[in-house]
């Protein structure tokens, strides 16, 4: 994920998993960027204005359709999880009620960076 001086990352992390999957997570002044490589060419962008709440929590197989690596969307379509390792992460709640879970080896730092860019 290229970064210019105007949108320098407040948080950046790359996690690796089996089969060379990588989860790249960045928080920039304009929002959250998440990319599962090599499967996704472009990162998913959640604009800062779409971040209603941020919580650090353990990964719940019941909430996200089982244990997995990669990207998983719930049967109802209102929850999406990006995860390659570990059991913790951050859930981003959006104004429309949907949720995005992002697995992280540093969930507290990720949550702090998201709270910094989210509207008050």
PDB file of N, CA and C in Angstrom:
ATOM      1  N   UNK A   1       0.849  -1.175   0.000  1.00  0.00           N
ATOM      2  CA  UNK A   1       0.000   0.000   0.000  1.00  0.00           C
ATOM      3  C   UNK A   1       0.888   1.229   0.000  1.00  0.00           C
ATOM      4  N   UNK A   2       0.995   1.916  -1.108  1.00  0.00           N
ATOM      5  CA  UNK A   2       1.859   3.082  -1.167  1.00  0.00           C
ATOM      6  C   UNK A   2       1.347   4.198  -0.268  1.00  0.00           C
ATOM      7  N   UNK A   3       2.295   4.903   0.301  1.00  0.00           N
ATOM      8  CA  UNK A   3       1.952   6.009   1.193  1.00  0.00           C
ATOM      9  C   UNK A   3       2.708   7.243   0.759  1.00  0.00           C
ATOM     10  N   UNK A   4       2.012   8.359   0.667  1.00  0.00           N
ATOM     11  CA  UNK A   4       2.673   9.623   0.356  1.00  0.00           C
ATOM     12  C   UNK A   4       2.833  10.404   1.652  1.00  0.00           C
ATOM     13  N   UNK A   5       3.540  11.492   1.603  1.00  0.00           N
ATOM     14  CA  UNK A   5       3.756  12.280   2.815  1.00  0.00           C
ATOM     15  C   UNK A   5       2.470  12.903   3.331  1.00  0.00           C
ATOM     16  N   UNK A   6       1.479  13.131   2.455  1.00  0.00           N
ATOM     17  CA  UNK A   6       0.222  13.738   2.879  1.00  0.00           C
ATOM     18  C   UNK A   6      -0.686  12.768   3.631  1.00  0.00           C
ATOM     19  N   UNK A   7      -0.522  11.471   3.384  1.00  0.00           N
ATOM     20  CA  UNK A   7      -1.392  10.501   4.040  1.00  0.00           C
ATOM     21  C   UNK A   7      -0.571   9.448   4.790  1.00  0.00           C
ATOM     22  N   UNK A   8       0.451   9.902   5.495  1.00  0.00           N
ATOM     23  CA  UNK A   8       1.323   9.004   6.237  1.00  0.00           C
ATOM     24  C   UNK A   8       0.509   8.165   7.212  1.00  0.00           C
ATOM     25  N   UNK A   9       0.851   6.903   7.310  1.00  0.00           N
ATOM     26  CA  UNK A   9       0.112   5.977   8.150  1.00  0.00           C
ATOM     27  C   UNK A   9       0.319   6.282   9.631  1.00  0.00           C
ATOM     28  N   UNK A  10      -0.774   6.244  10.366  1.00  0.00           N
ATOM     29  CA  UNK A  10      -0.728   6.370  11.814  1.00  0.00           C
ATOM     30  C   UNK A  10      -0.504   5.006  12.446  1.00  0.00           C
ATOM     31  N   UNK A  11      -0.835   3.962  11.712  1.00  0.00           N
ATOM     32  CA  UNK A  11      -0.658   2.580  12.147  1.00  0.00           C
ATOM     33  C   UNK A  11      -0.410   1.752  10.906  1.00  0.00           C
ATOM     34  N   UNK A  12       0.517   0.802  11.003  1.00  0.00           N
ATOM     35  CA  UNK A  12       0.777  -0.083   9.881  1.00  0.00           C
ATOM     36  C   UNK A  12       1.230  -1.432  10.421  1.00  0.00           C
ATOM     37  N   UNK A  13       0.667  -2.499   9.869  1.00  0.00           N
ATOM     38  CA  UNK A  13       1.007  -3.836  10.326  1.00  0.00           C
ATOM     39  C   UNK A  13       0.860  -4.807   9.171  1.00  0.00           C
ATOM     40  N   UNK A  14       1.752  -5.786   9.099  1.00  0.00           N
ATOM     41  CA  UNK A  14       1.655  -6.858   8.116  1.00  0.00           C
ATOM     42  C   UNK A  14       1.791  -8.174   8.875  1.00  0.00           C
ATOM     43  N   UNK A  15       0.758  -9.009   8.769  1.00  0.00           N
ATOM     44  CA  UNK A  15       0.774 -10.326   9.396  1.00  0.00           C
ATOM     45  C   UNK A  15       0.870 -11.372   8.292  1.00  0.00           C
ATOM     46  N   UNK A  16       1.603 -12.443   8.555  1.00  0.00           N
ATOM     47  CA  UNK A  16       1.731 -13.525   7.578  1.00  0.00           C
ATOM     48  C   UNK A  16       1.089 -14.785   8.135  1.00  0.00           C
ATOM     49  N   UNK A  17       0.591 -15.608   7.217  1.00  0.00           N
ATOM     50  CA  UNK A  17      -0.016 -16.885   7.587  1.00  0.00           C
ATOM     51  C   UNK A  17       0.409 -17.940   6.582  1.00  0.00           C
ATOM     52  N   UNK A  18      -0.037 -19.132   6.837  1.00  0.00           N
ATOM     53  CA  UNK A  18       0.207 -20.252   5.956  1.00  0.00           C
ATOM     54  C   UNK A  18      -0.165 -19.906   4.520  1.00  0.00           C
ATOM     55  N   UNK A  19       0.532 -20.494   3.567  1.00  0.00           N
ATOM     56  CA  UNK A  19       0.270 -20.281   2.141  1.00  0.00           C
ATOM     57  C   UNK A  19       0.536 -18.849   1.680  1.00  0.00           C
ATOM     58  N   UNK A  20       1.390 -18.156   2.378  1.00  0.00           N
ATOM     59  CA  UNK A  20       1.831 -16.812   1.991  1.00  0.00           C
ATOM     60  C   UNK A  20       0.735 -15.762   2.023  1.00  0.00           C
ATOM     61  N   UNK A  21      -0.351 -16.004   2.756  1.00  0.00           N
ATOM     62  CA  UNK A  21      -1.355 -14.954   2.929  1.00  0.00           C
ATOM     63  C   UNK A  21      -0.783 -13.864   3.814  1.00  0.00           C
ATOM     64  N   UNK A  22      -1.049 -12.633   3.472  1.00  0.00           N
ATOM     65  CA  UNK A  22      -0.649 -11.513   4.316  1.00  0.00           C
ATOM     66  C   UNK A  22      -1.851 -10.607   4.538  1.00  0.00           C
ATOM     67  N   UNK A  23      -1.955 -10.114   5.750  1.00  0.00           N
ATOM     68  CA  UNK A  23      -2.991  -9.146   6.066  1.00  0.00           C
ATOM     69  C   UNK A  23      -2.285  -7.829   6.317  1.00  0.00           C
ATOM     70  N   UNK A  24      -2.521  -6.876   5.434  1.00  0.00           N
ATOM     71  CA  UNK A  24      -1.908  -5.558   5.545  1.00  0.00           C
ATOM     72  C   UNK A  24      -2.957  -4.581   6.035  1.00  0.00           C
ATOM     73  N   UNK A  25      -2.657  -3.929   7.150  1.00  0.00           N
ATOM     74  CA  UNK A  25      -3.591  -2.993   7.772  1.00  0.00           C
ATOM     75  C   UNK A  25      -2.905  -1.658   7.962  1.00  0.00           C
ATOM     76  N   UNK A  26      -3.532  -0.606   7.485  1.00  0.00           N
ATOM     77  CA  UNK A  26      -3.017   0.747   7.698  1.00  0.00           C
ATOM     78  C   UNK A  26      -4.152   1.661   8.118  1.00  0.00           C
ATOM     79  N   UNK A  27      -3.815   2.568   9.018  1.00  0.00           N
ATOM     80  CA  UNK A  27      -4.728   3.646   9.379  1.00  0.00           C
ATOM     81  C   UNK A  27      -4.054   4.937   8.937  1.00  0.00           C
ATOM     82  N   UNK A  28      -4.748   5.674   8.096  1.00  0.00           N
ATOM     83  CA  UNK A  28      -4.258   6.949   7.593  1.00  0.00           C
ATOM     84  C   UNK A  28      -5.250   8.032   8.011  1.00  0.00           C
ATOM     85  N   UNK A  29      -4.910   9.277   7.854  1.00  0.00           N
ATOM     86  CA  UNK A  29      -5.843  10.342   8.251  1.00  0.00           C
ATOM     87  C   UNK A  29      -7.223  10.233   7.611  1.00  0.00           C
ATOM     88  N   UNK A  30      -7.307   9.610   6.425  1.00  0.00           N
ATOM     89  CA  UNK A  30      -8.611   9.500   5.758  1.00  0.00           C
ATOM     90  C   UNK A  30      -9.345   8.189   6.053  1.00  0.00           C
ATOM     91  N   UNK A  31      -8.779   7.319   6.895  1.00  0.00           N
ATOM     92  CA  UNK A  31      -9.496   6.106   7.270  1.00  0.00           C
ATOM     93  C   UNK A  31      -8.638   4.856   7.348  1.00  0.00           C
ATOM     94  N   UNK A  32      -9.331   3.713   7.308  1.00  0.00           N
ATOM     95  CA  UNK A  32      -8.723   2.393   7.458  1.00  0.00           C
ATOM     96  C   UNK A  32      -8.554   1.745   6.092  1.00  0.00           C
ATOM     97  N   UNK A  33      -7.398   1.097   5.877  1.00  0.00           N
ATOM     98  CA  UNK A  33      -7.122   0.345   4.666  1.00  0.00           C
ATOM     99  C   UNK A  33      -6.741  -1.071   5.071  1.00  0.00           C
ATOM    100  N   UNK A  34      -7.420  -2.074   4.481  1.00  0.00           N
ATOM    101  CA  UNK A  34      -7.156  -3.474   4.795  1.00  0.00           C
ATOM    102  C   UNK A  34      -7.031  -4.232   3.484  1.00  0.00           C
ATOM    103  N   UNK A  35      -5.971  -5.032   3.372  1.00  0.00           N
ATOM    104  CA  UNK A  35      -5.763  -5.817   2.150  1.00  0.00           C
ATOM    105  C   UNK A  35      -5.275  -7.205   2.508  1.00  0.00           C
ATOM    106  N   UNK A  36      -5.901  -8.203   1.926  1.00  0.00           N
ATOM    107  CA  UNK A  36      -5.472  -9.586   2.087  1.00  0.00           C
ATOM    108  C   UNK A  36      -4.701  -9.978   0.832  1.00  0.00           C
ATOM    109  N   UNK A  37      -3.381 -10.048   0.978  1.00  0.00           N
ATOM    110  CA  UNK A  37      -2.550 -10.385  -0.163  1.00  0.00           C
ATOM    111  C   UNK A  37      -2.236 -11.874  -0.162  1.00  0.00           C
ATOM    112  N   UNK A  38      -2.015 -12.442  -1.281  1.00  0.00           N
ATOM    113  CA  UNK A  38      -2.011 -11.848  -2.609  1.00  0.00           C
ATOM    114  C   UNK A  38      -3.389 -11.860  -3.288  1.00  0.00           C
ATOM    115  N   UNK A  39      -4.436 -12.165  -2.544  1.00  0.00           N
ATOM    116  CA  UNK A  39      -5.765 -12.324  -3.143  1.00  0.00           C
ATOM    117  C   UNK A  39      -6.408 -11.007  -3.577  1.00  0.00           C
ATOM    118  N   UNK A  40      -6.165  -9.934  -2.853  1.00  0.00           N
ATOM    119  CA  UNK A  40      -6.745  -8.642  -3.207  1.00  0.00           C
ATOM    120  C   UNK A  40      -5.661  -7.722  -3.741  1.00  0.00           C
ATOM    121  N   UNK A  41      -5.911  -7.140  -4.877  1.00  0.00           N
ATOM    122  CA  UNK A  41      -4.943  -6.196  -5.442  1.00  0.00           C
ATOM    123  C   UNK A  41      -5.014  -4.853  -4.743  1.00  0.00           C
ATOM    124  N   UNK A  42      -6.220  -4.382  -4.517  1.00  0.00           N
ATOM    125  CA  UNK A  42      -6.431  -3.074  -3.893  1.00  0.00           C
ATOM    126  C   UNK A  42      -6.984  -3.257  -2.488  1.00  0.00           C
ATOM    127  N   UNK A  43      -6.573  -2.408  -1.565  1.00  0.00           N
ATOM    128  CA  UNK A  43      -7.100  -2.528  -0.209  1.00  0.00           C
ATOM    129  C   UNK A  43      -8.557  -2.079  -0.115  1.00  0.00           C
ATOM    130  N   UNK A  44      -9.244  -2.639   0.852  1.00  0.00           N
ATOM    131  CA  UNK A  44     -10.589  -2.154   1.164  1.00  0.00           C
ATOM    132  C   UNK A  44     -10.415  -0.897   2.002  1.00  0.00           C
ATOM    133  N   UNK A  45     -11.132   0.153   1.645  1.00  0.00           N
ATOM    134  CA  UNK A  45     -11.014   1.426   2.354  1.00  0.00           C
ATOM    135  C   UNK A  45     -12.288   1.700   3.131  1.00  0.00           C
ATOM    136  N   UNK A  46     -12.136   1.981   4.417  1.00  0.00           N
ATOM    137  CA  UNK A  46     -13.254   2.430   5.243  1.00  0.00           C
ATOM    138  C   UNK A  46     -12.957   3.889   5.580  1.00  0.00           C
ATOM    139  N   UNK A  47     -13.694   4.826   5.006  1.00  0.00           N
ATOM    140  CA  UNK A  47     -13.439   6.238   5.285  1.00  0.00           C
ATOM    141  C   UNK A  47     -13.583   6.548   6.777  1.00  0.00           C
ATOM    142  N   UNK A  48     -12.806   7.489   7.252  1.00  0.00           N
ATOM    143  CA  UNK A  48     -12.860   7.876   8.664  1.00  0.00           C
ATOM    144  C   UNK A  48     -14.280   8.240   9.083  1.00  0.00           C
ATOM    145  N   UNK A  49     -15.033   8.872   8.198  1.00  0.00           N
ATOM    146  CA  UNK A  49     -16.410   9.272   8.514  1.00  0.00           C
ATOM    147  C   UNK A  49     -17.327   8.078   8.732  1.00  0.00           C
ATOM    148  N   UNK A  50     -16.915   6.883   8.260  1.00  0.00           N
ATOM    149  CA  UNK A  50     -17.723   5.671   8.413  1.00  0.00           C
ATOM    150  C   UNK A  50     -17.322   4.846   9.633  1.00  0.00           C
ATOM    151  N   UNK A  51     -16.507   5.394  10.500  1.00  0.00           N
ATOM    152  CA  UNK A  51     -16.100   4.691  11.719  1.00  0.00           C
ATOM    153  C   UNK A  51     -16.909   5.264  12.874  1.00  0.00           C
ATOM    154  N   UNK A  52     -17.931   4.521  13.300  1.00  0.00           N
ATOM    155  CA  UNK A  52     -18.817   4.989  14.368  1.00  0.00           C
ATOM    156  C   UNK A  52     -18.293   4.596  15.749  1.00  0.00           C
ATOM    157  N   UNK A  53     -17.689   3.402  15.852  1.00  0.00           N
ATOM    158  CA  UNK A  53     -17.161   2.922  17.139  1.00  0.00           C
ATOM    159  C   UNK A  53     -16.075   1.897  16.865  1.00  0.00           C
ATOM    160  N   UNK A  54     -15.160   1.771  17.820  1.00  0.00           N
ATOM    161  CA  UNK A  54     -14.038   0.844  17.699  1.00  0.00           C
ATOM    162  C   UNK A  54     -13.902   0.089  19.019  1.00  0.00           C
ATOM    163  N   UNK A  55     -13.827  -1.245  18.941  1.00  0.00           N
ATOM    164  CA  UNK A  55     -13.629  -2.050  20.155  1.00  0.00           C
ATOM    165  C   UNK A  55     -12.576  -3.117  19.903  1.00  0.00           C
ATOM    166  N   UNK A  56     -11.751  -3.357  20.914  1.00  0.00           N
ATOM    167  CA  UNK A  56     -10.791  -4.452  20.883  1.00  0.00           C
ATOM    168  C   UNK A  56     -11.508  -5.665  21.454  1.00  0.00           C
ATOM    169  N   UNK A  57     -11.432  -6.787  20.746  1.00  0.00           N
ATOM    170  CA  UNK A  57     -12.113  -7.979  21.234  1.00  0.00           C
ATOM    171  C   UNK A  57     -11.500  -9.240  20.665  1.00  0.00           C
ATOM    172  N   UNK A  58     -11.776 -10.370  21.291  1.00  0.00           N
ATOM    173  CA  UNK A  58     -11.291 -11.634  20.740  1.00  0.00           C
ATOM    174  C   UNK A  58     -12.096 -12.010  19.497  1.00  0.00           C
ATOM    175  N   UNK A  59     -11.464 -12.788  18.626  1.00  0.00           N
ATOM    176  CA  UNK A  59     -12.171 -13.288  17.447  1.00  0.00           C
ATOM    177  C   UNK A  59     -13.207 -14.294  17.901  1.00  0.00           C
ATOM    178  N   UNK A  60     -14.420 -14.175  17.397  1.00  0.00           N
ATOM    179  CA  UNK A  60     -15.501 -15.089  17.751  1.00  0.00           C
ATOM    180  C   UNK A  60     -15.920 -15.891  16.528  1.00  0.00           C
ATOM    181  N   UNK A  61     -15.661 -17.198  16.568  1.00  0.00           N
ATOM    182  CA  UNK A  61     -16.055 -18.060  15.456  1.00  0.00           C
ATOM    183  C   UNK A  61     -17.571 -18.048  15.270  1.00  0.00           C
ATOM    184  N   UNK A  62     -18.302 -17.920  16.353  1.00  0.00           N
ATOM    185  CA  UNK A  62     -19.766 -17.901  16.276  1.00  0.00           C
ATOM    186  C   UNK A  62     -20.263 -16.664  15.521  1.00  0.00           C
ATOM    187  N   UNK A  63     -19.602 -15.543  15.697  1.00  0.00           N
ATOM    188  CA  UNK A  63     -20.023 -14.302  15.035  1.00  0.00           C
ATOM    189  C   UNK A  63     -19.598 -14.225  13.571  1.00  0.00           C
ATOM    190  N   UNK A  64     -18.547 -14.968  13.209  1.00  0.00           N
ATOM    191  CA  UNK A  64     -17.974 -14.815  11.870  1.00  0.00           C
ATOM    192  C   UNK A  64     -17.990 -16.094  11.045  1.00  0.00           C
ATOM    193  N   UNK A  65     -18.838 -17.033  11.392  1.00  0.00           N
ATOM    194  CA  UNK A  65     -19.011 -18.219  10.551  1.00  0.00           C
ATOM    195  C   UNK A  65     -17.923 -19.266  10.661  1.00  0.00           C
ATOM    196  N   UNK A  66     -17.242 -19.341  11.785  1.00  0.00           N
ATOM    197  CA  UNK A  66     -16.236 -20.384  12.000  1.00  0.00           C
ATOM    198  C   UNK A  66     -14.822 -19.843  12.046  1.00  0.00           C
ATOM    199  N   UNK A  67     -13.885 -20.779  12.282  1.00  0.00           N
ATOM    200  CA  UNK A  67     -12.465 -20.427  12.295  1.00  0.00           C
ATOM    201  C   UNK A  67     -11.971 -20.434  10.866  1.00  0.00           C
ATOM    202  N   UNK A  68     -11.232 -19.435  10.501  1.00  0.00           N
ATOM    203  CA  UNK A  68     -10.746 -19.339   9.134  1.00  0.00           C
ATOM    204  C   UNK A  68      -9.564 -18.388   9.052  1.00  0.00           C
ATOM    205  N   UNK A  69      -8.899 -18.444   7.911  1.00  0.00           N
ATOM    206  CA  UNK A  69      -7.896 -17.459   7.538  1.00  0.00           C
ATOM    207  C   UNK A  69      -8.412 -16.804   6.278  1.00  0.00           C
ATOM    208  N   UNK A  70      -8.289 -15.517   6.218  1.00  0.00           N
ATOM    209  CA  UNK A  70      -8.728 -14.809   5.022  1.00  0.00           C
ATOM    210  C   UNK A  70      -9.839 -13.837   5.313  1.00  0.00           C
ATOM    211  N   UNK A  71     -10.773 -13.743   4.382  1.00  0.00           N
ATOM    212  CA  UNK A  71     -11.900 -12.827   4.510  1.00  0.00           C
ATOM    213  C   UNK A  71     -13.165 -13.664   4.615  1.00  0.00           C
ATOM    214  N   UNK A  72     -13.997 -13.348   5.554  1.00  0.00           N
ATOM    215  CA  UNK A  72     -15.261 -14.081   5.738  1.00  0.00           C
ATOM    216  C   UNK A  72     -16.367 -13.072   6.010  1.00  0.00           C
ATOM    217  N   UNK A  73     -17.490 -13.237   5.331  1.00  0.00           N
ATOM    218  CA  UNK A  73     -18.669 -12.404   5.566  1.00  0.00           C
ATOM    219  C   UNK A  73     -19.751 -13.269   6.182  1.00  0.00           C
ATOM    220  N   UNK A  74     -20.444 -12.748   7.169  1.00  0.00           N
ATOM    221  CA  UNK A  74     -21.496 -13.500   7.845  1.00  0.00           C
ATOM    222  C   UNK A  74     -22.639 -13.805   6.885  1.00  0.00           C
ATOM    223  N   UNK A  75     -23.446 -14.772   7.261  1.00  0.00           N
ATOM    224  CA  UNK A  75     -24.583 -15.167   6.429  1.00  0.00           C
ATOM    225  C   UNK A  75     -25.551 -14.009   6.209  1.00  0.00           C
ATOM    226  N   UNK A  76     -25.664 -13.124   7.187  1.00  0.00           N
ATOM    227  CA  UNK A  76     -26.565 -11.983   7.066  1.00  0.00           C
ATOM    228  C   UNK A  76     -25.933 -10.827   6.293  1.00  0.00           C
ATOM    229  N   UNK A  77     -24.618 -10.891   6.063  1.00  0.00           N
ATOM    230  CA  UNK A  77     -23.935  -9.865   5.291  1.00  0.00           C
ATOM    231  C   UNK A  77     -23.584  -8.603   6.050  1.00  0.00           C
ATOM    232  N   UNK A  78     -23.875  -8.571   7.352  1.00  0.00           N
ATOM    233  CA  UNK A  78     -23.607  -7.354   8.114  1.00  0.00           C
ATOM    234  C   UNK A  78     -22.285  -7.392   8.879  1.00  0.00           C
ATOM    235  N   UNK A  79     -21.572  -8.515   8.818  1.00  0.00           N
ATOM    236  CA  UNK A  79     -20.263  -8.622   9.483  1.00  0.00           C
ATOM    237  C   UNK A  79     -19.256  -9.221   8.519  1.00  0.00           C
ATOM    238  N   UNK A  80     -18.092  -8.598   8.460  1.00  0.00           N
ATOM    239  CA  UNK A  80     -16.990  -9.111   7.652  1.00  0.00           C
ATOM    240  C   UNK A  80     -15.766  -9.200   8.537  1.00  0.00           C
ATOM    241  N   UNK A  81     -15.011 -10.293   8.387  1.00  0.00           N
ATOM    242  CA  UNK A  81     -13.794 -10.483   9.183  1.00  0.00           C
ATOM    243  C   UNK A  81     -12.597 -10.683   8.265  1.00  0.00           C
ATOM    244  N   UNK A  82     -11.524  -9.949   8.557  1.00  0.00           N
ATOM    245  CA  UNK A  82     -10.227 -10.133   7.915  1.00  0.00           C
ATOM    246  C   UNK A  82      -9.311 -10.700   8.991  1.00  0.00           C
ATOM    247  N   UNK A  83      -8.757 -11.888   8.744  1.00  0.00           N
ATOM    248  CA  UNK A  83      -7.941 -12.516   9.784  1.00  0.00           C
ATOM    249  C   UNK A  83      -6.981 -13.513   9.151  1.00  0.00           C
ATOM    250  N   UNK A  84      -5.719 -13.508   9.607  1.00  0.00           N
ATOM    251  CA  UNK A  84      -4.761 -14.521   9.159  1.00  0.00           C
ATOM    252  C   UNK A  84      -4.099 -15.250  10.322  1.00  0.00           C
ATOM    253  N   UNK A  85      -4.139 -14.692  11.515  1.00  0.00           N
ATOM    254  CA  UNK A  85      -3.539 -15.363  12.663  1.00  0.00           C
ATOM    255  C   UNK A  85      -4.044 -14.724  13.949  1.00  0.00           C
ATOM    256  N   UNK A  86      -3.768 -15.387  15.047  1.00  0.00           N
ATOM    257  CA  UNK A  86      -4.115 -14.829  16.344  1.00  0.00           C
ATOM    258  C   UNK A  86      -5.585 -14.929  16.677  1.00  0.00           C
ATOM    259  N   UNK A  87      -5.895 -14.483  17.874  1.00  0.00           N
ATOM    260  CA  UNK A  87      -7.264 -14.570  18.366  1.00  0.00           C
ATOM    261  C   UNK A  87      -7.841 -13.231  18.773  1.00  0.00           C
ATOM    262  N   UNK A  88      -7.127 -12.150  18.476  1.00  0.00           N
ATOM    263  CA  UNK A  88      -7.621 -10.829  18.848  1.00  0.00           C
ATOM    264  C   UNK A  88      -7.648  -9.916  17.637  1.00  0.00           C
ATOM    265  N   UNK A  89      -8.406  -8.858  17.799  1.00  0.00           N
ATOM    266  CA  UNK A  89      -8.482  -7.877  16.741  1.00  0.00           C
ATOM    267  C   UNK A  89      -9.347  -6.713  17.152  1.00  0.00           C
ATOM    268  N   UNK A  90      -9.780  -5.962  16.174  1.00  0.00           N
ATOM    269  CA  UNK A  90     -10.571  -4.766  16.394  1.00  0.00           C
ATOM    270  C   UNK A  90     -11.842  -4.864  15.557  1.00  0.00           C
ATOM    271  N   UNK A  91     -12.960  -4.538  16.179  1.00  0.00           N
ATOM    272  CA  UNK A  91     -14.213  -4.449  15.440  1.00  0.00           C
ATOM    273  C   UNK A  91     -14.532  -2.982  15.215  1.00  0.00           C
ATOM    274  N   UNK A  92     -14.763  -2.638  13.942  1.00  0.00           N
ATOM    275  CA  UNK A  92     -15.153  -1.295  13.555  1.00  0.00           C
ATOM    276  C   UNK A  92     -16.646  -1.327  13.268  1.00  0.00           C
ATOM    277  N   UNK A  93     -17.394  -0.561  14.037  1.00  0.00           N
ATOM    278  CA  UNK A  93     -18.827  -0.446  13.770  1.00  0.00           C
ATOM    279  C   UNK A  93     -19.038   0.754  12.862  1.00  0.00           C
ATOM    280  N   UNK A  94     -19.910   0.566  11.858  1.00  0.00           N
ATOM    281  CA  UNK A  94     -20.197   1.623  10.901  1.00  0.00           C
ATOM    282  C   UNK A  94     -21.573   2.219  11.191  1.00  0.00           C
ATOM    283  N   UNK A  95     -21.833   3.428  10.737  1.00  0.00           N
ATOM    284  CA  UNK A  95     -23.116   4.079  11.001  1.00  0.00           C
ATOM    285  C   UNK A  95     -24.336   3.283  10.534  1.00  0.00           C
ATOM    286  N   UNK A  96     -24.174   2.454   9.501  1.00  0.00           N
ATOM    287  CA  UNK A  96     -25.307   1.662   8.994  1.00  0.00           C
ATOM    288  C   UNK A  96     -25.551   0.388   9.796  1.00  0.00           C
ATOM    289  N   UNK A  97     -24.730   0.170  10.852  1.00  0.00           N
ATOM    290  CA  UNK A  97     -24.891  -1.006  11.708  1.00  0.00           C
ATOM    291  C   UNK A  97     -24.013  -2.178  11.324  1.00  0.00           C
ATOM    292  N   UNK A  98     -23.372  -2.127  10.176  1.00  0.00           N
ATOM    293  CA  UNK A  98     -22.484  -3.220   9.780  1.00  0.00           C
ATOM    294  C   UNK A  98     -21.179  -3.146  10.572  1.00  0.00           C
ATOM    295  N   UNK A  99     -20.474  -4.286  10.613  1.00  0.00           N
ATOM    296  CA  UNK A  99     -19.234  -4.370  11.376  1.00  0.00           C
ATOM    297  C   UNK A  99     -18.127  -4.978  10.530  1.00  0.00           C
ATOM    298  N   UNK A 100     -16.908  -4.536  10.798  1.00  0.00           N
ATOM    299  CA  UNK A 100     -15.722  -5.067  10.151  1.00  0.00           C
ATOM    300  C   UNK A 100     -14.749  -5.463  11.249  1.00  0.00           C
ATOM    301  N   UNK A 101     -14.400  -6.762  11.316  1.00  0.00           N
ATOM    302  CA  UNK A 101     -13.409  -7.237  12.279  1.00  0.00           C
ATOM    303  C   UNK A 101     -12.084  -7.356  11.550  1.00  0.00           C
ATOM    304  N   UNK A 102     -11.026  -6.794  12.143  1.00  0.00           N
ATOM    305  CA  UNK A 102      -9.685  -6.872  11.566  1.00  0.00           C
ATOM    306  C   UNK A 102      -8.773  -7.506  12.602  1.00  0.00           C
ATOM    307  N   UNK A 103      -8.276  -8.704  12.294  1.00  0.00           N
ATOM    308  CA  UNK A 103      -7.335  -9.370  13.189  1.00  0.00           C
ATOM    309  C   UNK A 103      -6.045  -8.579  13.272  1.00  0.00           C
ATOM    310  N   UNK A 104      -5.431  -8.592  14.454  1.00  0.00           N
ATOM    311  CA  UNK A 104      -4.211  -7.805  14.641  1.00  0.00           C
ATOM    312  C   UNK A 104      -3.348  -8.400  15.748  1.00  0.00           C
ATOM    313  N   UNK A 105      -2.060  -8.326  15.561  1.00  0.00           N
ATOM    314  CA  UNK A 105      -1.119  -8.689  16.614  1.00  0.00           C
ATOM    315  C   UNK A 105      -0.950  -7.559  17.613  1.00  0.00           C
ATOM    316  N   UNK A 106      -1.438  -6.371  17.257  1.00  0.00           N
ATOM    317  CA  UNK A 106      -1.374  -5.196  18.133  1.00  0.00           C
ATOM    318  C   UNK A 106      -2.729  -4.496  18.147  1.00  0.00           C
ATOM    319  N   UNK A 107      -3.754  -5.166  18.665  1.00  0.00           N
ATOM    320  CA  UNK A 107      -5.102  -4.602  18.582  1.00  0.00           C
ATOM    321  C   UNK A 107      -5.286  -3.279  19.328  1.00  0.00           C
ATOM    322  N   UNK A 108      -4.634  -3.099  20.451  1.00  0.00           N
ATOM    323  CA  UNK A 108      -4.792  -1.841  21.194  1.00  0.00           C
ATOM    324  C   UNK A 108      -4.228  -0.660  20.390  1.00  0.00           C
ATOM    325  N   UNK A 109      -3.075  -0.854  19.751  1.00  0.00           N
ATOM    326  CA  UNK A 109      -2.477   0.212  18.940  1.00  0.00           C
ATOM    327  C   UNK A 109      -3.348   0.516  17.723  1.00  0.00           C
ATOM    328  N   UNK A 110      -3.910  -0.531  17.111  1.00  0.00           N
ATOM    329  CA  UNK A 110      -4.802  -0.332  15.966  1.00  0.00           C
ATOM    330  C   UNK A 110      -6.047   0.447  16.398  1.00  0.00           C
ATOM    331  N   UNK A 111      -6.629   0.066  17.515  1.00  0.00           N
ATOM    332  CA  UNK A 111      -7.833   0.760  18.011  1.00  0.00           C
ATOM    333  C   UNK A 111      -7.526   2.220  18.323  1.00  0.00           C
ATOM    334  N   UNK A 112      -6.390   2.490  18.947  1.00  0.00           N
ATOM    335  CA  UNK A 112      -6.017   3.873  19.263  1.00  0.00           C
ATOM    336  C   UNK A 112      -5.883   4.719  18.000  1.00  0.00           C
ATOM    337  N   UNK A 113      -5.251   4.153  16.974  1.00  0.00           N
ATOM    338  CA  UNK A 113      -5.078   4.892  15.719  1.00  0.00           C
ATOM    339  C   UNK A 113      -6.420   5.139  15.045  1.00  0.00           C
ATOM    340  N   UNK A 114      -7.320   4.165  15.077  1.00  0.00           N
ATOM    341  CA  UNK A 114      -8.648   4.345  14.484  1.00  0.00           C
ATOM    342  C   UNK A 114      -9.440   5.415  15.232  1.00  0.00           C
ATOM    343  N   UNK A 115      -9.347   5.417  16.540  1.00  0.00           N
ATOM    344  CA  UNK A 115     -10.057   6.425  17.330  1.00  0.00           C
ATOM    345  C   UNK A 115      -9.520   7.824  17.052  1.00  0.00           C
ATOM    346  N   UNK A 116      -8.245   7.905  16.717  1.00  0.00           N
ATOM    347  CA  UNK A 116      -7.639   9.196  16.409  1.00  0.00           C
ATOM    348  C   UNK A 116      -8.198   9.801  15.125  1.00  0.00           C
ATOM    349  N   UNK A 117      -8.513   8.955  14.136  1.00  0.00           N
ATOM    350  CA  UNK A 117      -9.004   9.483  12.866  1.00  0.00           C
ATOM    351  C   UNK A 117     -10.530   9.509  12.768  1.00  0.00           C
ATOM    352  N   UNK A 118     -11.218   8.762  13.623  1.00  0.00           N
ATOM    353  CA  UNK A 118     -12.684   8.728  13.588  1.00  0.00           C
ATOM    354  C   UNK A 118     -13.268  10.051  14.034  1.00  0.00           C
ATOM    355  N   UNK A 119     -14.408  10.444  13.463  1.00  0.00           N
ATOM    356  CA  UNK A 119     -15.037  11.687  13.905  1.00  0.00           C
ATOM    357  C   UNK A 119     -15.487  11.579  15.365  1.00  0.00           C
ATOM    358  N   UNK A 120     -15.417  12.697  16.055  1.00  0.00           N
ATOM    359  CA  UNK A 120     -15.761  12.679  17.490  1.00  0.00           C
ATOM    360  C   UNK A 120     -17.246  12.590  17.719  1.00  0.00           C
TER     361      UNK A 120
END
